[in-house]
Amino acid sequence: MAIAGAGKRRSYTVVFEPQPEGGYTVLVPALPGCLTEGDTMAEARRNAVEAIQVHCESLLIDGIALPRDIRRPPVHEKVVVTVGGP
C-alpha cells in the first residue's frame, strides 16, 4: 500500500540553539515535537535530517499530511527584565 505524500522532497527550517555546556539543540518550528541535538554543528545537522525524516514518516504512517515549512523565519531578540526589585 502506498502512503500518500511519500517520496516527496521537503525543505524545513531548523533552529540551532547553542547550549551553555556545549553542543546544539535543534528545533524544527514547522514540526512541533521534532527536536534533536548534536555535540558539533555537523553532528546536529546530520541528526536534524534524521529526526525530520523519522518525524515525517511517522506522520505519513498515521495518515497525517506533511506540514509545509513555516514561511516566516523565527524572530530572535533580547529582552531586558528587572527581577526582584520594586
N, C-alpha and C. Protein backbone atom coordinates (compact mmCIF):
# COMPACT_ATOMS: atom_id res chain seq x y z
N MET A 1 0.84 -1.18 0.00
CA MET A 1 0.00 0.00 0.00
C MET A 1 0.89 1.24 0.00
N ALA A 2 0.62 2.15 -0.90
CA ALA A 2 1.40 3.39 -0.98
C ALA A 2 0.90 4.38 0.07
N ILE A 3 1.82 5.13 0.62
CA ILE A 3 1.48 6.15 1.61
C ILE A 3 1.40 7.48 0.90
N ALA A 4 0.26 8.17 1.03
CA ALA A 4 0.09 9.47 0.39
C ALA A 4 1.14 10.45 0.90
N GLY A 5 1.81 11.12 -0.02
CA GLY A 5 2.82 12.10 0.37
C GLY A 5 4.23 11.52 0.42
N ALA A 6 4.34 10.19 0.34
CA ALA A 6 5.66 9.57 0.41
C ALA A 6 6.44 9.87 -0.87
N GLY A 7 7.74 9.96 -0.76
CA GLY A 7 8.61 10.18 -1.90
C GLY A 7 8.77 11.64 -2.29
N LYS A 8 8.08 12.54 -1.61
CA LYS A 8 8.21 13.96 -1.91
C LYS A 8 9.39 14.54 -1.15
N ARG A 9 10.09 15.43 -1.83
CA ARG A 9 11.18 16.14 -1.17
C ARG A 9 10.58 17.34 -0.44
N ARG A 10 11.01 17.53 0.77
CA ARG A 10 10.54 18.64 1.59
C ARG A 10 11.74 19.41 2.11
N SER A 11 11.52 20.65 2.41
CA SER A 11 12.55 21.50 2.99
C SER A 11 11.96 22.15 4.24
N TYR A 12 12.68 22.04 5.36
CA TYR A 12 12.20 22.61 6.61
C TYR A 12 13.28 23.50 7.24
N THR A 13 12.84 24.61 7.80
CA THR A 13 13.73 25.49 8.54
C THR A 13 14.04 24.84 9.87
N VAL A 14 15.31 24.87 10.25
CA VAL A 14 15.71 24.35 11.56
C VAL A 14 16.40 25.48 12.32
N VAL A 15 16.30 25.42 13.65
CA VAL A 15 16.92 26.41 14.51
C VAL A 15 17.95 25.69 15.37
N PHE A 16 19.19 26.13 15.29
CA PHE A 16 20.28 25.56 16.08
C PHE A 16 20.51 26.47 17.28
N GLU A 17 20.24 25.94 18.47
CA GLU A 17 20.42 26.73 19.69
C GLU A 17 21.67 26.24 20.42
N PRO A 18 22.72 27.08 20.50
CA PRO A 18 23.92 26.67 21.23
C PRO A 18 23.57 26.46 22.71
N GLN A 19 24.14 25.45 23.30
CA GLN A 19 23.89 25.14 24.70
C GLN A 19 25.08 25.55 25.56
N PRO A 20 24.83 26.03 26.78
CA PRO A 20 25.93 26.51 27.63
C PRO A 20 26.99 25.44 27.89
N GLU A 21 26.57 24.19 27.99
CA GLU A 21 27.51 23.11 28.26
C GLU A 21 28.21 22.61 26.99
N GLY A 22 27.85 23.18 25.86
CA GLY A 22 28.42 22.78 24.58
C GLY A 22 27.39 22.06 23.73
N GLY A 23 27.62 22.03 22.47
CA GLY A 23 26.70 21.38 21.56
C GLY A 23 25.52 22.26 21.21
N TYR A 24 24.58 21.66 20.50
CA TYR A 24 23.44 22.40 19.97
C TYR A 24 22.16 21.59 20.14
N THR A 25 21.08 22.29 20.46
CA THR A 25 19.74 21.72 20.39
C THR A 25 19.15 22.20 19.08
N VAL A 26 18.47 21.30 18.38
CA VAL A 26 17.91 21.62 17.08
C VAL A 26 16.38 21.51 17.15
N LEU A 27 15.70 22.59 16.79
CA LEU A 27 14.25 22.64 16.76
C LEU A 27 13.78 22.79 15.32
N VAL A 28 12.60 22.25 15.04
CA VAL A 28 12.00 22.38 13.71
C VAL A 28 10.63 23.03 13.92
N PRO A 29 10.53 24.35 13.76
CA PRO A 29 9.29 25.06 14.08
C PRO A 29 8.04 24.52 13.38
N ALA A 30 8.16 24.05 12.16
CA ALA A 30 7.00 23.55 11.42
C ALA A 30 6.56 22.17 11.89
N LEU A 31 7.42 21.49 12.66
CA LEU A 31 7.11 20.13 13.12
C LEU A 31 7.19 20.09 14.64
N PRO A 32 6.15 20.54 15.34
CA PRO A 32 6.18 20.54 16.80
C PRO A 32 6.52 19.15 17.34
N GLY A 33 7.42 19.12 18.30
CA GLY A 33 7.85 17.86 18.89
C GLY A 33 9.04 17.25 18.20
N CYS A 34 9.43 17.78 17.06
CA CYS A 34 10.59 17.27 16.34
C CYS A 34 11.81 18.07 16.78
N LEU A 35 12.64 17.44 17.59
CA LEU A 35 13.87 18.10 18.02
C LEU A 35 14.96 17.07 18.21
N THR A 36 16.17 17.54 18.18
CA THR A 36 17.33 16.68 18.35
C THR A 36 18.47 17.52 18.87
N GLU A 37 19.65 16.95 18.91
CA GLU A 37 20.82 17.69 19.39
C GLU A 37 22.06 17.12 18.75
N GLY A 38 23.17 17.80 18.96
CA GLY A 38 24.46 17.32 18.47
C GLY A 38 25.58 18.04 19.19
N ASP A 39 26.70 17.35 19.34
CA ASP A 39 27.86 17.94 20.01
C ASP A 39 28.54 18.99 19.15
N THR A 40 28.42 18.85 17.82
CA THR A 40 29.00 19.81 16.87
C THR A 40 27.91 20.22 15.89
N MET A 41 28.14 21.30 15.14
CA MET A 41 27.17 21.71 14.13
C MET A 41 26.97 20.61 13.09
N ALA A 42 28.05 19.97 12.68
CA ALA A 42 27.95 18.90 11.68
C ALA A 42 27.08 17.76 12.20
N GLU A 43 27.30 17.35 13.44
CA GLU A 43 26.50 16.29 14.03
C GLU A 43 25.05 16.73 14.19
N ALA A 44 24.84 17.98 14.61
CA ALA A 44 23.49 18.50 14.78
C ALA A 44 22.74 18.52 13.45
N ARG A 45 23.43 18.89 12.37
CA ARG A 45 22.81 18.89 11.04
C ARG A 45 22.41 17.48 10.62
N ARG A 46 23.33 16.53 10.79
CA ARG A 46 23.02 15.14 10.43
C ARG A 46 21.83 14.62 11.25
N ASN A 47 21.85 14.91 12.55
CA ASN A 47 20.77 14.45 13.42
C ASN A 47 19.45 15.12 13.05
N ALA A 48 19.51 16.38 12.60
CA ALA A 48 18.30 17.09 12.20
C ALA A 48 17.66 16.41 10.99
N VAL A 49 18.46 16.05 10.02
CA VAL A 49 17.93 15.36 8.83
C VAL A 49 17.25 14.06 9.25
N GLU A 50 17.91 13.29 10.08
CA GLU A 50 17.35 12.01 10.52
C GLU A 50 16.06 12.22 11.33
N ALA A 51 16.07 13.19 12.24
CA ALA A 51 14.88 13.46 13.07
C ALA A 51 13.70 13.90 12.21
N ILE A 52 13.95 14.74 11.23
CA ILE A 52 12.88 15.20 10.35
C ILE A 52 12.33 14.04 9.53
N GLN A 53 13.21 13.20 9.00
CA GLN A 53 12.76 12.05 8.21
C GLN A 53 11.88 11.13 9.06
N VAL A 54 12.34 10.80 10.25
CA VAL A 54 11.58 9.90 11.13
C VAL A 54 10.24 10.53 11.52
N HIS A 55 10.27 11.81 11.86
CA HIS A 55 9.04 12.51 12.25
C HIS A 55 8.03 12.50 11.09
N CYS A 56 8.48 12.85 9.90
CA CYS A 56 7.60 12.91 8.74
C CYS A 56 7.07 11.52 8.36
N GLU A 57 7.92 10.51 8.43
CA GLU A 57 7.47 9.15 8.13
C GLU A 57 6.39 8.71 9.11
N SER A 58 6.55 9.08 10.38
CA SER A 58 5.55 8.76 11.39
C SER A 58 4.22 9.44 11.08
N LEU A 59 4.28 10.70 10.68
CA LEU A 59 3.05 11.42 10.31
C LEU A 59 2.35 10.73 9.14
N LEU A 60 3.13 10.36 8.12
CA LEU A 60 2.54 9.72 6.95
C LEU A 60 1.91 8.38 7.30
N ILE A 61 2.57 7.59 8.13
CA ILE A 61 2.03 6.30 8.56
C ILE A 61 0.70 6.49 9.29
N ASP A 62 0.61 7.58 10.05
CA ASP A 62 -0.63 7.88 10.78
C ASP A 62 -1.68 8.56 9.91
N GLY A 63 -1.37 8.74 8.62
CA GLY A 63 -2.33 9.35 7.70
C GLY A 63 -2.43 10.86 7.82
N ILE A 64 -1.41 11.48 8.40
CA ILE A 64 -1.39 12.93 8.58
C ILE A 64 -0.55 13.56 7.47
N ALA A 65 -1.10 14.58 6.84
CA ALA A 65 -0.38 15.27 5.77
C ALA A 65 0.85 15.97 6.34
N LEU A 66 1.90 15.99 5.55
CA LEU A 66 3.12 16.68 5.98
C LEU A 66 2.89 18.19 5.97
N PRO A 67 3.24 18.86 7.08
CA PRO A 67 3.07 20.31 7.12
C PRO A 67 4.06 21.00 6.18
N ARG A 68 3.66 22.14 5.73
CA ARG A 68 4.59 22.97 4.96
C ARG A 68 5.52 23.69 5.93
N ASP A 69 6.65 24.10 5.41
CA ASP A 69 7.58 24.86 6.24
C ASP A 69 6.95 26.18 6.64
N ILE A 70 7.33 26.69 7.76
CA ILE A 70 6.86 27.99 8.21
C ILE A 70 7.51 29.05 7.32
N ARG A 71 6.69 29.90 6.74
CA ARG A 71 7.19 30.90 5.79
C ARG A 71 8.00 32.01 6.45
N ARG A 72 7.63 32.34 7.68
CA ARG A 72 8.34 33.42 8.36
C ARG A 72 9.47 32.82 9.19
N PRO A 73 10.67 33.37 9.07
CA PRO A 73 11.75 32.87 9.92
C PRO A 73 11.50 33.27 11.37
N PRO A 74 12.04 32.49 12.31
CA PRO A 74 11.88 32.86 13.72
C PRO A 74 12.49 34.23 13.99
N VAL A 75 11.90 34.95 14.91
CA VAL A 75 12.42 36.25 15.31
C VAL A 75 13.18 36.06 16.61
N HIS A 76 14.41 36.51 16.63
CA HIS A 76 15.24 36.41 17.83
C HIS A 76 15.60 37.81 18.29
N GLU A 77 15.32 38.10 19.53
CA GLU A 77 15.75 39.38 20.08
C GLU A 77 15.94 39.20 21.58
N LYS A 78 16.75 40.07 22.15
CA LYS A 78 16.99 40.05 23.58
C LYS A 78 16.00 40.98 24.26
N VAL A 79 15.51 40.56 25.42
CA VAL A 79 14.58 41.34 26.21
C VAL A 79 15.21 41.52 27.58
N VAL A 80 15.27 42.75 28.05
CA VAL A 80 15.86 43.06 29.37
C VAL A 80 14.74 43.14 30.39
N VAL A 81 14.91 42.46 31.51
CA VAL A 81 13.91 42.47 32.57
C VAL A 81 14.59 42.78 33.90
N THR A 82 13.85 43.33 34.83
CA THR A 82 14.31 43.56 36.19
C THR A 82 13.59 42.55 37.07
N VAL A 83 14.34 41.81 37.86
CA VAL A 83 13.75 40.77 38.70
C VAL A 83 14.07 41.07 40.16
N GLY A 84 13.05 40.99 41.00
CA GLY A 84 13.26 41.14 42.43
C GLY A 84 13.32 42.58 42.93
N GLY A 85 13.06 43.55 42.09
CA GLY A 85 13.08 44.94 42.50
C GLY A 85 11.67 45.47 42.70
N PRO A 86 11.58 46.67 43.28
CA PRO A 86 10.25 47.27 43.49
C PRO A 86 9.59 47.67 42.18
